[in-house]
Amino acid sequence: MFGIDSIEIIIVAIAALIFIGPKELPTAMRTVGRWVGKIRGYARHFNAGIDAVVREAELEAMEKEWREQNARIMAKYPAADFADDEVMTDKAEDKKQPDLPLEDEDKRPPGERELP
C-alpha cells in the first residue's frame, strides 16, 4: 500500500484497540474509512483532470500535424485539378441507367395475384 507491512498494520490495530477502546473502535474505523474514501475520490478526480489535459494536448498536437500535412498536400495538388475530377464523376453518375421493371414481375394488383 504505502510501504506498510502487515506487521506494522497489526501493531497499529493493537495500539488503536488499547488507546481507543473496543467501544469506540468501530466508530473510529468508520470515520477513518470515510476519510480514506474522500481522499481516494479527490485523487480519482485529480487523475481524471490530468488525463483530460494530457488527451487535449495530444489532440492539439495531432490536429496541428494534420493541418501541416493538409497544407503540404494542398500545395502539391492545387484545387483547380480537383474541380475537373468532380465534373467527370458527376457526368459518370448521370449516365447510370434507370431501374427497369423485371420481365417476370406480375403487374396485377395484389388482391388479384395468385398465392405461392
N, C-alpha and C. Protein backbone atom coordinates (compact mmCIF):
# COMPACT_ATOMS: atom_id res chain seq x y z
N MET A 1 0.84 -1.17 0.00
CA MET A 1 0.00 0.00 0.00
C MET A 1 0.90 1.24 0.00
N PHE A 2 1.29 1.77 1.14
CA PHE A 2 2.18 2.92 1.24
C PHE A 2 3.52 2.50 1.83
N GLY A 3 3.94 1.29 1.55
CA GLY A 3 5.17 0.78 2.12
C GLY A 3 4.98 0.29 3.55
N ILE A 4 3.75 -0.03 3.92
CA ILE A 4 3.45 -0.51 5.27
C ILE A 4 3.30 -2.03 5.20
N ASP A 5 4.07 -2.73 6.01
CA ASP A 5 3.99 -4.19 6.05
C ASP A 5 2.82 -4.63 6.92
N SER A 6 2.50 -5.93 6.85
CA SER A 6 1.38 -6.47 7.62
C SER A 6 1.66 -6.41 9.12
N ILE A 7 2.92 -6.55 9.53
CA ILE A 7 3.28 -6.48 10.95
C ILE A 7 2.98 -5.08 11.49
N GLU A 8 3.31 -4.06 10.70
CA GLU A 8 3.06 -2.69 11.14
C GLU A 8 1.56 -2.42 11.27
N ILE A 9 0.76 -2.97 10.37
CA ILE A 9 -0.70 -2.80 10.44
C ILE A 9 -1.24 -3.46 11.71
N ILE A 10 -0.72 -4.64 12.04
CA ILE A 10 -1.16 -5.34 13.25
C ILE A 10 -0.81 -4.53 14.49
N ILE A 11 0.39 -3.94 14.52
CA ILE A 11 0.81 -3.13 15.66
C ILE A 11 -0.10 -1.91 15.80
N VAL A 12 -0.43 -1.25 14.68
CA VAL A 12 -1.31 -0.08 14.72
C VAL A 12 -2.70 -0.50 15.20
N ALA A 13 -3.21 -1.66 14.74
CA ALA A 13 -4.54 -2.13 15.15
C ALA A 13 -4.57 -2.42 16.65
N ILE A 14 -3.51 -3.05 17.19
CA ILE A 14 -3.45 -3.34 18.63
C ILE A 14 -3.38 -2.04 19.42
N ALA A 15 -2.57 -1.08 18.95
CA ALA A 15 -2.45 0.22 19.64
C ALA A 15 -3.80 0.94 19.62
N ALA A 16 -4.52 0.88 18.49
CA ALA A 16 -5.84 1.52 18.40
C ALA A 16 -6.81 0.86 19.36
N LEU A 17 -6.76 -0.45 19.46
CA LEU A 17 -7.65 -1.17 20.38
C LEU A 17 -7.37 -0.77 21.82
N ILE A 18 -6.09 -0.59 22.15
CA ILE A 18 -5.72 -0.23 23.52
C ILE A 18 -6.10 1.22 23.83
N PHE A 19 -5.73 2.16 22.93
CA PHE A 19 -5.93 3.59 23.21
C PHE A 19 -7.37 4.06 22.98
N ILE A 20 -8.01 3.55 21.91
CA ILE A 20 -9.38 3.99 21.62
C ILE A 20 -10.39 3.18 22.42
N GLY A 21 -10.13 1.91 22.56
CA GLY A 21 -11.03 1.04 23.31
C GLY A 21 -11.98 0.30 22.38
N PRO A 22 -12.47 -0.84 22.83
CA PRO A 22 -13.33 -1.66 21.97
C PRO A 22 -14.69 -1.02 21.67
N LYS A 23 -15.18 -0.12 22.55
CA LYS A 23 -16.47 0.50 22.31
C LYS A 23 -16.40 1.53 21.18
N GLU A 24 -15.36 2.35 21.18
CA GLU A 24 -15.24 3.44 20.20
C GLU A 24 -14.49 3.02 18.93
N LEU A 25 -13.94 1.83 18.88
CA LEU A 25 -13.15 1.40 17.73
C LEU A 25 -13.98 1.33 16.44
N PRO A 26 -15.21 0.77 16.44
CA PRO A 26 -15.98 0.76 15.20
C PRO A 26 -16.29 2.16 14.66
N THR A 27 -16.60 3.09 15.55
CA THR A 27 -16.87 4.46 15.13
C THR A 27 -15.61 5.10 14.53
N ALA A 28 -14.49 4.87 15.19
CA ALA A 28 -13.22 5.42 14.69
C ALA A 28 -12.87 4.82 13.33
N MET A 29 -13.11 3.51 13.16
CA MET A 29 -12.81 2.86 11.88
C MET A 29 -13.71 3.40 10.77
N ARG A 30 -14.99 3.65 11.07
CA ARG A 30 -15.90 4.24 10.08
C ARG A 30 -15.42 5.63 9.67
N THR A 31 -15.01 6.41 10.65
CA THR A 31 -14.52 7.76 10.37
C THR A 31 -13.28 7.71 9.50
N VAL A 32 -12.35 6.83 9.84
CA VAL A 32 -11.14 6.68 9.03
C VAL A 32 -11.51 6.21 7.63
N GLY A 33 -12.46 5.29 7.52
CA GLY A 33 -12.90 4.81 6.21
C GLY A 33 -13.49 5.91 5.35
N ARG A 34 -14.29 6.79 5.98
CA ARG A 34 -14.85 7.92 5.24
C ARG A 34 -13.75 8.85 4.74
N TRP A 35 -12.78 9.13 5.59
CA TRP A 35 -11.67 9.99 5.18
C TRP A 35 -10.89 9.38 4.02
N VAL A 36 -10.61 8.09 4.15
CA VAL A 36 -9.88 7.40 3.08
C VAL A 36 -10.69 7.43 1.78
N GLY A 37 -12.01 7.22 1.89
CA GLY A 37 -12.87 7.29 0.71
C GLY A 37 -12.86 8.66 0.06
N LYS A 38 -12.93 9.71 0.88
CA LYS A 38 -12.88 11.07 0.35
C LYS A 38 -11.55 11.35 -0.34
N ILE A 39 -10.47 10.92 0.31
CA ILE A 39 -9.14 11.14 -0.27
C ILE A 39 -9.01 10.40 -1.60
N ARG A 40 -9.51 9.16 -1.67
CA ARG A 40 -9.47 8.41 -2.93
C ARG A 40 -10.31 9.10 -4.00
N GLY A 41 -11.48 9.63 -3.61
CA GLY A 41 -12.32 10.36 -4.57
C GLY A 41 -11.61 11.59 -5.12
N TYR A 42 -10.97 12.34 -4.23
CA TYR A 42 -10.21 13.51 -4.68
C TYR A 42 -9.07 13.09 -5.60
N ALA A 43 -8.39 12.01 -5.27
CA ALA A 43 -7.29 11.53 -6.11
C ALA A 43 -7.81 11.10 -7.48
N ARG A 44 -8.96 10.40 -7.51
CA ARG A 44 -9.54 10.00 -8.80
C ARG A 44 -9.91 11.22 -9.64
N HIS A 45 -10.52 12.20 -8.99
CA HIS A 45 -10.91 13.43 -9.69
C HIS A 45 -9.67 14.15 -10.23
N PHE A 46 -8.63 14.23 -9.43
CA PHE A 46 -7.40 14.88 -9.85
C PHE A 46 -6.78 14.14 -11.02
N ASN A 47 -6.71 12.79 -10.93
CA ASN A 47 -6.13 12.00 -12.03
C ASN A 47 -6.96 12.14 -13.30
N ALA A 48 -8.27 12.17 -13.18
CA ALA A 48 -9.12 12.34 -14.35
C ALA A 48 -8.87 13.69 -15.00
N GLY A 49 -8.69 14.73 -14.20
CA GLY A 49 -8.39 16.05 -14.74
C GLY A 49 -7.06 16.08 -15.47
N ILE A 50 -6.06 15.45 -14.87
CA ILE A 50 -4.74 15.39 -15.51
C ILE A 50 -4.83 14.61 -16.82
N ASP A 51 -5.54 13.49 -16.82
CA ASP A 51 -5.70 12.69 -18.04
C ASP A 51 -6.40 13.48 -19.13
N ALA A 52 -7.42 14.26 -18.77
CA ALA A 52 -8.13 15.08 -19.75
C ALA A 52 -7.21 16.13 -20.36
N VAL A 53 -6.38 16.75 -19.53
CA VAL A 53 -5.45 17.76 -20.04
C VAL A 53 -4.44 17.11 -20.99
N VAL A 54 -3.95 15.94 -20.63
CA VAL A 54 -2.98 15.24 -21.49
C VAL A 54 -3.63 14.87 -22.82
N ARG A 55 -4.88 14.35 -22.77
CA ARG A 55 -5.57 13.99 -24.02
C ARG A 55 -5.78 15.21 -24.90
N GLU A 56 -6.18 16.34 -24.31
CA GLU A 56 -6.37 17.56 -25.08
C GLU A 56 -5.07 18.00 -25.74
N ALA A 57 -3.98 17.91 -25.00
CA ALA A 57 -2.68 18.30 -25.55
C ALA A 57 -2.29 17.37 -26.71
N GLU A 58 -2.54 16.07 -26.56
CA GLU A 58 -2.24 15.13 -27.63
C GLU A 58 -3.11 15.41 -28.86
N LEU A 59 -4.39 15.71 -28.63
CA LEU A 59 -5.27 16.01 -29.76
C LEU A 59 -4.85 17.28 -30.48
N GLU A 60 -4.43 18.29 -29.72
CA GLU A 60 -3.97 19.53 -30.34
C GLU A 60 -2.72 19.27 -31.18
N ALA A 61 -1.81 18.45 -30.67
CA ALA A 61 -0.59 18.13 -31.42
C ALA A 61 -0.94 17.37 -32.70
N MET A 62 -1.85 16.41 -32.60
CA MET A 62 -2.25 15.64 -33.78
C MET A 62 -2.96 16.55 -34.80
N GLU A 63 -3.82 17.45 -34.30
CA GLU A 63 -4.53 18.36 -35.20
C GLU A 63 -3.54 19.28 -35.91
N LYS A 64 -2.53 19.76 -35.20
CA LYS A 64 -1.51 20.61 -35.82
C LYS A 64 -0.76 19.84 -36.90
N GLU A 65 -0.42 18.59 -36.61
CA GLU A 65 0.28 17.76 -37.59
C GLU A 65 -0.60 17.52 -38.82
N TRP A 66 -1.90 17.26 -38.60
CA TRP A 66 -2.81 17.04 -39.73
C TRP A 66 -2.95 18.31 -40.57
N ARG A 67 -3.03 19.47 -39.91
CA ARG A 67 -3.13 20.72 -40.66
C ARG A 67 -1.89 20.93 -41.52
N GLU A 68 -0.71 20.64 -40.96
CA GLU A 68 0.53 20.79 -41.73
C GLU A 68 0.55 19.84 -42.92
N GLN A 69 0.15 18.60 -42.71
CA GLN A 69 0.11 17.64 -43.81
C GLN A 69 -0.90 18.07 -44.87
N ASN A 70 -2.05 18.54 -44.45
CA ASN A 70 -3.07 19.01 -45.38
C ASN A 70 -2.55 20.18 -46.20
N ALA A 71 -1.84 21.10 -45.54
CA ALA A 71 -1.28 22.26 -46.25
C ALA A 71 -0.26 21.80 -47.30
N ARG A 72 0.58 20.82 -46.94
CA ARG A 72 1.55 20.29 -47.91
C ARG A 72 0.86 19.64 -49.09
N ILE A 73 -0.19 18.85 -48.81
CA ILE A 73 -0.90 18.17 -49.88
C ILE A 73 -1.61 19.18 -50.78
N MET A 74 -2.25 20.16 -50.17
CA MET A 74 -2.96 21.17 -50.96
C MET A 74 -1.99 22.01 -51.79
N ALA A 75 -0.77 22.24 -51.27
CA ALA A 75 0.23 22.98 -52.03
C ALA A 75 0.72 22.15 -53.21
N LYS A 76 0.82 20.85 -53.01
CA LYS A 76 1.31 19.96 -54.07
C LYS A 76 0.25 19.77 -55.15
N TYR A 77 -1.02 19.67 -54.76
CA TYR A 77 -2.12 19.46 -55.70
C TYR A 77 -3.11 20.62 -55.57
N PRO A 78 -3.01 21.62 -56.41
CA PRO A 78 -3.91 22.77 -56.30
C PRO A 78 -5.37 22.38 -56.49
N ALA A 79 -6.28 23.21 -56.03
CA ALA A 79 -7.72 22.93 -56.06
C ALA A 79 -8.26 22.89 -57.48
N ALA A 80 -7.63 23.56 -58.46
CA ALA A 80 -8.11 23.56 -59.84
C ALA A 80 -8.11 22.15 -60.42
N ASP A 81 -7.15 21.33 -60.06
CA ASP A 81 -7.10 19.96 -60.57
C ASP A 81 -8.27 19.15 -60.06
N PHE A 82 -8.71 19.40 -58.85
CA PHE A 82 -9.80 18.63 -58.27
C PHE A 82 -11.14 19.00 -58.90
N ALA A 83 -11.30 20.23 -59.38
CA ALA A 83 -12.57 20.65 -59.98
C ALA A 83 -12.88 19.82 -61.21
N ASP A 84 -11.87 19.52 -62.05
CA ASP A 84 -12.09 18.70 -63.24
C ASP A 84 -12.53 17.30 -62.87
N ASP A 85 -11.95 16.72 -61.81
CA ASP A 85 -12.31 15.38 -61.38
C ASP A 85 -13.74 15.33 -60.90
N GLU A 86 -14.19 16.36 -60.20
CA GLU A 86 -15.57 16.37 -59.70
C GLU A 86 -16.57 16.43 -60.84
N VAL A 87 -16.27 17.19 -61.88
CA VAL A 87 -17.16 17.29 -63.03
C VAL A 87 -17.25 15.94 -63.71
N MET A 88 -16.13 15.25 -63.84
CA MET A 88 -16.12 13.94 -64.50
C MET A 88 -16.93 12.92 -63.72
N THR A 89 -16.83 12.91 -62.40
CA THR A 89 -17.59 11.94 -61.62
C THR A 89 -19.08 12.25 -61.68
N ASP A 90 -19.45 13.54 -61.74
CA ASP A 90 -20.87 13.89 -61.85
C ASP A 90 -21.43 13.39 -63.18
N LYS A 91 -20.68 13.52 -64.28
CA LYS A 91 -21.15 13.06 -65.58
C LYS A 91 -21.29 11.54 -65.60
N ALA A 92 -20.38 10.84 -64.95
CA ALA A 92 -20.44 9.39 -64.92
C ALA A 92 -21.67 8.93 -64.15
N GLU A 93 -22.04 9.63 -63.10
CA GLU A 93 -23.22 9.25 -62.33
C GLU A 93 -24.50 9.52 -63.11
N ASP A 94 -24.49 10.54 -63.98
CA ASP A 94 -25.68 10.85 -64.78
C ASP A 94 -25.95 9.79 -65.83
N LYS A 95 -24.92 9.06 -66.27
CA LYS A 95 -25.07 8.06 -67.31
C LYS A 95 -25.62 6.74 -66.79
N LYS A 96 -25.92 6.64 -65.52
CA LYS A 96 -26.48 5.42 -64.96
C LYS A 96 -27.83 5.14 -65.61
N GLN A 97 -28.13 3.87 -65.83
CA GLN A 97 -29.41 3.51 -66.40
C GLN A 97 -30.46 3.48 -65.30
N PRO A 98 -31.69 3.90 -65.62
CA PRO A 98 -32.74 3.84 -64.61
C PRO A 98 -33.11 2.39 -64.33
N ASP A 99 -33.65 2.16 -63.15
CA ASP A 99 -34.08 0.82 -62.78
C ASP A 99 -35.31 0.46 -63.61
N LEU A 100 -35.19 -0.61 -64.37
CA LEU A 100 -36.30 -1.07 -65.20
C LEU A 100 -37.04 -2.19 -64.48
N PRO A 101 -38.34 -2.33 -64.72
CA PRO A 101 -39.07 -3.43 -64.07
C PRO A 101 -38.59 -4.78 -64.60
N LEU A 102 -38.68 -5.79 -63.78
CA LEU A 102 -38.28 -7.13 -64.19
C LEU A 102 -39.31 -7.71 -65.14
N GLU A 103 -38.86 -8.59 -66.02
CA GLU A 103 -39.76 -9.18 -67.01
C GLU A 103 -40.77 -10.11 -66.34
N ASP A 104 -40.39 -10.78 -65.26
CA ASP A 104 -41.24 -11.76 -64.61
C ASP A 104 -42.23 -11.11 -63.64
N GLU A 105 -42.16 -9.82 -63.48
CA GLU A 105 -42.98 -9.16 -62.48
C GLU A 105 -44.46 -9.23 -62.87
N ASP A 106 -45.28 -9.59 -61.91
CA ASP A 106 -46.72 -9.67 -62.11
C ASP A 106 -47.30 -8.28 -61.94
N LYS A 107 -47.95 -7.77 -62.98
CA LYS A 107 -48.44 -6.40 -62.95
C LYS A 107 -49.86 -6.28 -62.43
N ARG A 108 -50.47 -7.39 -62.03
CA ARG A 108 -51.82 -7.33 -61.50
C ARG A 108 -51.80 -6.75 -60.08
N PRO A 109 -52.91 -6.17 -59.65
CA PRO A 109 -52.98 -5.65 -58.28
C PRO A 109 -52.78 -6.79 -57.28
N PRO A 110 -52.30 -6.49 -56.06
CA PRO A 110 -52.00 -7.54 -55.10
C PRO A 110 -53.19 -8.45 -54.78
N GLY A 111 -54.40 -7.95 -54.80
CA GLY A 111 -55.57 -8.78 -54.48
C GLY A 111 -55.87 -9.83 -55.56
N GLU A 112 -55.45 -9.60 -56.79
CA GLU A 112 -55.75 -10.50 -57.89
C GLU A 112 -54.64 -11.51 -58.16
N ARG A 113 -53.49 -11.35 -57.52
CA ARG A 113 -52.37 -12.27 -57.75
C ARG A 113 -52.63 -13.60 -57.08
N GLU A 114 -52.05 -14.66 -57.65
CA GLU A 114 -52.17 -16.00 -57.07
C GLU A 114 -51.20 -16.14 -55.91
N LEU A 115 -51.62 -16.86 -54.91
CA LEU A 115 -50.75 -17.11 -53.76
C LEU A 115 -49.73 -18.17 -54.13
N PRO A 116 -48.53 -18.10 -53.64
CA PRO A 116 -47.49 -19.10 -53.99
C PRO A 116 -47.78 -20.45 -53.37
